[in-house]
Amino acid sequence: MATKTPVSLECLGLCEHCGTLISLDGMPGDSIDADWACPSCKKILSQVSFGYESEGGKSSGFKKAKWVGPDGQWAPVKPTKDFDLGNWSVQVERTYYPFY
């Protein structure tokens, strides 16, 4: 049986251009200041791909408005339990690893 790769729910999204399931956990760390492209359609990803919407008004901030659910589609409510999605084991609570 293949081991599933753990990913954080907060880092999971759907490409705003083609709908491909994506995760920041799989993006190269050395490109943190660069534009990230969808691995499928190669278009540049924005906060929209990760469920964030503009707060509007005078604020220029964003708020998390939707999450990828166990069915691989957007959900308006944050899942409360870990779930498997394809080859990923989605962790609802972010796992922190201490650096030594």
Protein backbone atom coordinates (compact mmCIF):
# COMPACT_ATOMS: atom_id res chain seq x y z
CA MET A 1 0.00 0.00 0.00
CA ALA A 2 1.41 3.40 -0.99
CA THR A 3 2.04 6.01 1.67
CA LYS A 4 0.05 9.20 1.29
CA THR A 5 1.84 12.54 1.39
CA PRO A 6 0.69 14.78 4.27
CA VAL A 7 -0.44 18.26 3.22
CA SER A 8 -1.95 21.12 5.21
CA LEU A 9 -5.56 22.09 4.54
CA GLU A 10 -4.52 25.76 4.65
CA CYS A 11 -2.05 25.15 1.80
CA LEU A 12 -4.54 23.32 -0.41
CA GLY A 13 -6.35 24.96 -3.31
CA LEU A 14 -7.81 24.69 -6.79
CA CYS A 15 -6.18 26.50 -9.71
CA GLU A 16 -8.31 29.53 -10.53
CA HIS A 17 -7.63 28.96 -14.24
CA CYS A 18 -8.06 25.22 -14.82
CA GLY A 19 -9.39 23.76 -11.53
CA THR A 20 -6.41 21.47 -10.86
CA LEU A 21 -5.96 20.49 -7.22
CA ILE A 22 -2.77 22.16 -5.92
CA SER A 23 -0.83 22.45 -2.68
CA LEU A 24 1.71 25.01 -1.49
CA ASP A 25 3.28 22.15 0.46
CA GLY A 26 4.56 20.82 -2.86
CA MET A 27 5.92 24.13 -4.15
CA PRO A 28 9.69 24.69 -4.07
CA GLY A 29 10.69 26.60 -0.95
CA ASP A 30 13.44 28.54 -2.70
CA SER A 31 10.85 30.22 -4.92
CA ILE A 32 8.88 31.79 -2.05
CA ASP A 33 9.31 35.30 -3.50
CA ALA A 34 8.58 34.22 -7.05
CA ASP A 35 5.29 33.75 -8.85
CA TRP A 36 4.01 30.21 -8.54
CA ALA A 37 2.53 28.61 -11.64
CA CYS A 38 -0.05 25.86 -11.79
CA PRO A 39 1.73 22.56 -12.53
CA SER A 40 -1.01 21.70 -15.03
CA CYS A 41 -1.87 24.84 -17.05
CA LYS A 42 1.31 26.83 -16.16
CA LYS A 43 -0.68 30.02 -15.44
CA ILE A 44 0.29 32.17 -12.45
CA LEU A 45 -1.62 31.45 -9.23
CA SER A 46 -3.05 34.14 -6.96
CA GLN A 47 -4.72 34.11 -3.55
CA VAL A 48 -7.96 33.15 -5.32
CA SER A 49 -6.55 29.68 -6.01
CA PHE A 50 -6.21 29.15 -2.25
CA GLY A 51 -9.71 30.30 -1.23
CA TYR A 52 -8.96 33.91 -0.28
CA GLU A 53 -11.24 36.80 -1.22
CA SER A 54 -10.74 40.55 -0.91
CA GLU A 55 -12.24 42.04 2.24
CA GLY A 56 -13.36 45.00 0.13
CA GLY A 57 -13.99 48.52 1.32
CA LYS A 58 -11.00 50.51 2.48
CA SER A 59 -9.11 47.41 3.55
CA SER A 60 -6.71 45.90 1.09
CA GLY A 61 -6.59 42.62 3.01
CA PHE A 62 -7.87 39.18 2.19
CA LYS A 63 -9.82 36.62 4.19
CA LYS A 64 -10.09 32.86 3.83
CA ALA A 65 -13.57 32.29 2.39
CA LYS A 66 -13.49 28.68 1.20
CA TRP A 67 -11.56 25.46 1.65
CA VAL A 68 -11.02 22.35 -0.45
CA GLY A 69 -13.29 19.66 0.96
CA PRO A 70 -13.00 15.85 1.03
CA ASP A 71 -14.65 15.69 -2.41
CA GLY A 72 -11.90 17.86 -3.96
CA GLN A 73 -14.26 20.79 -4.50
CA TRP A 74 -14.60 24.18 -2.80
CA ALA A 75 -16.53 24.15 0.48
CA PRO A 76 -17.76 27.30 2.30
CA VAL A 77 -17.09 25.72 5.71
CA LYS A 78 -13.68 24.55 6.92
CA PRO A 79 -13.54 20.76 7.33
CA THR A 80 -13.04 19.68 10.93
CA LYS A 81 -11.52 16.22 10.40
CA ASP A 82 -8.45 15.06 8.49
CA PHE A 83 -9.23 13.33 5.18
CA ASP A 84 -7.56 11.58 2.26
CA LEU A 85 -7.67 13.17 -1.17
CA GLY A 86 -5.96 11.25 -3.95
CA ASN A 87 -2.35 10.64 -2.90
CA TRP A 88 -2.57 13.24 -0.13
CA SER A 89 -3.45 12.92 3.52
CA VAL A 90 -4.99 16.32 4.29
CA GLN A 91 -4.27 17.60 7.80
CA VAL A 92 -6.90 20.04 9.09
CA GLU A 93 -4.64 21.30 11.87
CA ARG A 94 -1.30 22.44 10.55
CA THR A 95 1.61 20.29 11.67
CA TYR A 96 4.58 22.25 12.95
CA TYR A 97 8.02 20.75 12.80
CA PRO A 98 10.68 22.12 15.15
CA PHE A 99 13.97 23.10 13.59
CA TYR A 100 17.05 21.92 15.41
